[in-house]
């Protein structure tokens, strides 16, 4: 019995170690839901990424309300991070009329440094509500 237990540990430890040390296969990302914004309308997050990598920011959005996020994010230092794309992603087939989707931005980390990314969720027309939700991300590029 002790031999079987010892053998199990000998086989498990390297497997756990390799899994823990394996590089992440996914793109670094930040995701903020409508529930998050309903609880706290001004959200700040931090993210650390390697130079040369891309990362995404996904924020809740509901176009049926007339609100939308800024098309272009306000980036503090565009020599550190650049916006690559921005798209609206419709909600999955929930059957609910007016269901929220999301807006997704992709950014590229250009060089080592720290910068901020700011976005506002507003009704963009003149006289429309501004900055109902805000999102700030501090990005550190290694």
C-alpha atoms as a PDB file:
ATOM      1  CA  UNK A   1       0.000   0.000   0.000  1.00  0.00           C
ATOM      2  CA  UNK A   2       2.801   2.437   0.904  1.00  0.00           C
ATOM      3  CA  UNK A   3       4.566   1.584  -2.340  1.00  0.00           C
ATOM      4  CA  UNK A   4       1.441   2.398  -4.390  1.00  0.00           C
ATOM      5  CA  UNK A   5       0.985   5.670  -2.533  1.00  0.00           C
ATOM      6  CA  UNK A   6       4.638   6.589  -3.035  1.00  0.00           C
ATOM      7  CA  UNK A   7       4.400   5.764  -6.745  1.00  0.00           C
ATOM      8  CA  UNK A   8       1.276   7.904  -7.060  1.00  0.00           C
ATOM      9  CA  UNK A   9       3.077  10.905  -5.529  1.00  0.00           C
ATOM     10  CA  UNK A  10       6.139  10.368  -7.718  1.00  0.00           C
ATOM     11  CA  UNK A  11       3.955  10.446 -10.828  1.00  0.00           C
ATOM     12  CA  UNK A  12       1.653  13.254  -9.702  1.00  0.00           C
ATOM     13  CA  UNK A  13       4.245  15.803  -8.581  1.00  0.00           C
ATOM     14  CA  UNK A  14       5.891  16.220 -12.019  1.00  0.00           C
ATOM     15  CA  UNK A  15       2.470  16.417 -13.694  1.00  0.00           C
ATOM     16  CA  UNK A  16       1.323  19.159 -11.323  1.00  0.00           C
ATOM     17  CA  UNK A  17       4.628  20.996 -11.682  1.00  0.00           C
ATOM     18  CA  UNK A  18       4.483  20.902 -15.493  1.00  0.00           C
ATOM     19  CA  UNK A  19       0.897  22.139 -15.507  1.00  0.00           C
ATOM     20  CA  UNK A  20       1.705  25.004 -13.140  1.00  0.00           C
ATOM     21  CA  UNK A  21       4.767  26.057 -15.146  1.00  0.00           C
ATOM     22  CA  UNK A  22       3.214  25.742 -18.584  1.00  0.00           C
ATOM     23  CA  UNK A  23       2.706  29.022 -20.438  1.00  0.00           C
ATOM     24  CA  UNK A  24      -0.848  30.302 -20.677  1.00  0.00           C
ATOM     25  CA  UNK A  25      -2.377  29.556 -24.053  1.00  0.00           C
ATOM     26  CA  UNK A  26      -5.004  32.310 -23.910  1.00  0.00           C
ATOM     27  CA  UNK A  27      -4.813  36.000 -24.623  1.00  0.00           C
ATOM     28  CA  UNK A  28      -4.730  38.122 -21.437  1.00  0.00           C
ATOM     29  CA  UNK A  29      -8.106  39.747 -20.953  1.00  0.00           C
ATOM     30  CA  UNK A  30     -10.303  41.840 -18.709  1.00  0.00           C
ATOM     31  CA  UNK A  31     -14.059  41.223 -18.649  1.00  0.00           C
ATOM     32  CA  UNK A  32     -16.601  43.443 -16.876  1.00  0.00           C
ATOM     33  CA  UNK A  33     -20.271  42.405 -16.801  1.00  0.00           C
ATOM     34  CA  UNK A  34     -23.437  44.492 -16.563  1.00  0.00           C
ATOM     35  CA  UNK A  35     -23.873  43.221 -12.993  1.00  0.00           C
ATOM     36  CA  UNK A  36     -20.404  44.586 -12.170  1.00  0.00           C
ATOM     37  CA  UNK A  37     -21.326  48.022 -13.559  1.00  0.00           C
ATOM     38  CA  UNK A  38     -24.743  48.029 -11.891  1.00  0.00           C
ATOM     39  CA  UNK A  39     -23.015  47.439  -8.552  1.00  0.00           C
ATOM     40  CA  UNK A  40     -20.232  49.989  -9.229  1.00  0.00           C
ATOM     41  CA  UNK A  41     -20.570  52.401 -12.201  1.00  0.00           C
ATOM     42  CA  UNK A  42     -16.902  53.474 -12.146  1.00  0.00           C
ATOM     43  CA  UNK A  43     -14.560  50.487 -12.368  1.00  0.00           C
ATOM     44  CA  UNK A  44     -10.762  50.436 -12.349  1.00  0.00           C
ATOM     45  CA  UNK A  45      -8.607  47.381 -13.038  1.00  0.00           C
ATOM     46  CA  UNK A  46      -4.947  46.542 -13.556  1.00  0.00           C
ATOM     47  CA  UNK A  47      -3.292  44.206 -16.036  1.00  0.00           C
ATOM     48  CA  UNK A  48       0.323  43.166 -16.619  1.00  0.00           C
ATOM     49  CA  UNK A  49       1.292  41.830 -20.045  1.00  0.00           C
ATOM     50  CA  UNK A  50       4.538  41.064 -21.894  1.00  0.00           C
ATOM     51  CA  UNK A  51       5.771  43.419 -24.619  1.00  0.00           C
ATOM     52  CA  UNK A  52       4.654  42.294 -28.069  1.00  0.00           C
ATOM     53  CA  UNK A  53       1.520  40.566 -26.806  1.00  0.00           C
ATOM     54  CA  UNK A  54      -2.107  41.432 -27.435  1.00  0.00           C
ATOM     55  CA  UNK A  55      -4.843  41.644 -24.825  1.00  0.00           C
ATOM     56  CA  UNK A  56      -8.580  42.258 -24.831  1.00  0.00           C
ATOM     57  CA  UNK A  57     -11.030  44.307 -22.809  1.00  0.00           C
ATOM     58  CA  UNK A  58     -14.663  43.146 -22.879  1.00  0.00           C
ATOM     59  CA  UNK A  59     -17.322  45.424 -21.400  1.00  0.00           C
ATOM     60  CA  UNK A  60     -21.069  44.933 -21.092  1.00  0.00           C
ATOM     61  CA  UNK A  61     -23.042  46.955 -23.623  1.00  0.00           C
ATOM     62  CA  UNK A  62     -26.698  47.249 -24.557  1.00  0.00           C
ATOM     63  CA  UNK A  63     -27.271  49.147 -27.793  1.00  0.00           C
ATOM     64  CA  UNK A  64     -31.063  49.058 -27.335  1.00  0.00           C
ATOM     65  CA  UNK A  65     -30.733  51.635 -24.531  1.00  0.00           C
ATOM     66  CA  UNK A  66     -28.989  54.164 -26.785  1.00  0.00           C
ATOM     67  CA  UNK A  67     -25.806  53.874 -24.736  1.00  0.00           C
ATOM     68  CA  UNK A  68     -22.485  52.854 -26.208  1.00  0.00           C
ATOM     69  CA  UNK A  69     -18.822  52.814 -25.259  1.00  0.00           C
ATOM     70  CA  UNK A  70     -16.383  55.195 -26.930  1.00  0.00           C
ATOM     71  CA  UNK A  71     -15.205  53.761 -30.248  1.00  0.00           C
ATOM     72  CA  UNK A  72     -11.598  54.645 -29.505  1.00  0.00           C
ATOM     73  CA  UNK A  73     -10.200  54.163 -26.035  1.00  0.00           C
ATOM     74  CA  UNK A  74      -8.322  57.069 -24.485  1.00  0.00           C
ATOM     75  CA  UNK A  75      -4.774  55.725 -24.058  1.00  0.00           C
ATOM     76  CA  UNK A  76      -2.424  57.716 -21.836  1.00  0.00           C
ATOM     77  CA  UNK A  77       0.789  56.729 -23.642  1.00  0.00           C
ATOM     78  CA  UNK A  78       0.267  55.406 -27.158  1.00  0.00           C
ATOM     79  CA  UNK A  79       3.944  54.473 -27.426  1.00  0.00           C
ATOM     80  CA  UNK A  80       3.315  51.739 -24.795  1.00  0.00           C
ATOM     81  CA  UNK A  81      -0.079  50.395 -25.939  1.00  0.00           C
ATOM     82  CA  UNK A  82      -2.085  50.810 -29.135  1.00  0.00           C
ATOM     83  CA  UNK A  83      -5.701  49.950 -29.924  1.00  0.00           C
ATOM     84  CA  UNK A  84      -5.928  47.325 -32.671  1.00  0.00           C
ATOM     85  CA  UNK A  85      -9.690  46.853 -32.982  1.00  0.00           C
ATOM     86  CA  UNK A  86     -13.117  47.446 -31.435  1.00  0.00           C
ATOM     87  CA  UNK A  87     -16.286  45.483 -32.124  1.00  0.00           C
ATOM     88  CA  UNK A  88     -19.785  44.945 -30.756  1.00  0.00           C
ATOM     89  CA  UNK A  89     -20.657  41.335 -29.964  1.00  0.00           C
ATOM     90  CA  UNK A  90     -24.383  40.564 -29.976  1.00  0.00           C
ATOM     91  CA  UNK A  91     -25.835  38.586 -27.095  1.00  0.00           C
ATOM     92  CA  UNK A  92     -26.159  34.877 -27.607  1.00  0.00           C
ATOM     93  CA  UNK A  93     -29.608  33.694 -28.548  1.00  0.00           C
ATOM     94  CA  UNK A  94     -31.223  34.289 -25.157  1.00  0.00           C
ATOM     95  CA  UNK A  95     -34.730  34.907 -26.473  1.00  0.00           C
ATOM     96  CA  UNK A  96     -34.859  38.092 -24.387  1.00  0.00           C
ATOM     97  CA  UNK A  97     -35.663  41.259 -26.315  1.00  0.00           C
ATOM     98  CA  UNK A  98     -33.148  43.993 -25.546  1.00  0.00           C
ATOM     99  CA  UNK A  99     -30.598  41.641 -23.961  1.00  0.00           C
ATOM    100  CA  UNK A 100     -27.151  43.088 -23.381  1.00  0.00           C
ATOM    101  CA  UNK A 101     -24.195  42.132 -25.529  1.00  0.00           C
ATOM    102  CA  UNK A 102     -20.644  43.332 -25.139  1.00  0.00           C
ATOM    103  CA  UNK A 103     -18.048  45.515 -26.770  1.00  0.00           C
ATOM    104  CA  UNK A 104     -14.565  44.099 -27.211  1.00  0.00           C
ATOM    105  CA  UNK A 105     -11.354  46.068 -27.730  1.00  0.00           C
ATOM    106  CA  UNK A 106      -8.070  44.459 -28.701  1.00  0.00           C
ATOM    107  CA  UNK A 107      -4.837  46.201 -27.771  1.00  0.00           C
ATOM    108  CA  UNK A 108      -1.183  45.535 -28.518  1.00  0.00           C
ATOM    109  CA  UNK A 109       1.551  46.022 -25.913  1.00  0.00           C
ATOM    110  CA  UNK A 110       4.301  47.820 -27.836  1.00  0.00           C
ATOM    111  CA  UNK A 111       7.101  48.333 -25.330  1.00  0.00           C
ATOM    112  CA  UNK A 112       7.920  48.235 -21.621  1.00  0.00           C
ATOM    113  CA  UNK A 113       6.156  50.864 -19.560  1.00  0.00           C
ATOM    114  CA  UNK A 114       2.918  51.714 -17.813  1.00  0.00           C
ATOM    115  CA  UNK A 115      -0.081  53.519 -19.253  1.00  0.00           C
ATOM    116  CA  UNK A 116      -3.793  53.948 -18.682  1.00  0.00           C
ATOM    117  CA  UNK A 117      -6.788  53.188 -20.852  1.00  0.00           C
ATOM    118  CA  UNK A 118     -10.067  55.045 -20.235  1.00  0.00           C
ATOM    119  CA  UNK A 119     -13.547  54.469 -21.688  1.00  0.00           C
ATOM    120  CA  UNK A 120     -16.969  56.085 -21.131  1.00  0.00           C
ATOM    121  CA  UNK A 121     -20.399  54.520 -21.609  1.00  0.00           C
ATOM    122  CA  UNK A 122     -22.648  57.344 -22.821  1.00  0.00           C
ATOM    123  CA  UNK A 123     -25.479  58.344 -25.090  1.00  0.00           C
ATOM    124  CA  UNK A 124     -23.324  59.973 -27.757  1.00  0.00           C
ATOM    125  CA  UNK A 125     -25.732  62.523 -29.185  1.00  0.00           C
ATOM    126  CA  UNK A 126     -25.681  66.164 -28.125  1.00  0.00           C
ATOM    127  CA  UNK A 127     -27.428  66.543 -24.776  1.00  0.00           C
ATOM    128  CA  UNK A 128     -27.249  62.784 -24.144  1.00  0.00           C
ATOM    129  CA  UNK A 129     -26.100  61.352 -20.813  1.00  0.00           C
ATOM    130  CA  UNK A 130     -22.329  61.197 -20.545  1.00  0.00           C
ATOM    131  CA  UNK A 131     -20.107  58.878 -18.531  1.00  0.00           C
ATOM    132  CA  UNK A 132     -22.899  56.819 -16.975  1.00  0.00           C
ATOM    133  CA  UNK A 133     -20.354  54.033 -16.597  1.00  0.00           C
ATOM    134  CA  UNK A 134     -16.601  54.513 -16.770  1.00  0.00           C
ATOM    135  CA  UNK A 135     -13.820  52.013 -17.079  1.00  0.00           C
ATOM    136  CA  UNK A 136     -10.135  52.623 -16.364  1.00  0.00           C
ATOM    137  CA  UNK A 137      -7.379  50.095 -16.912  1.00  0.00           C
ATOM    138  CA  UNK A 138      -3.788  50.537 -15.804  1.00  0.00           C
ATOM    139  CA  UNK A 139      -1.564  48.425 -18.052  1.00  0.00           C
ATOM    140  CA  UNK A 140       1.982  47.496 -17.152  1.00  0.00           C
ATOM    141  CA  UNK A 141       4.023  46.113 -20.060  1.00  0.00           C
ATOM    142  CA  UNK A 142       7.071  44.025 -19.078  1.00  0.00           C
END
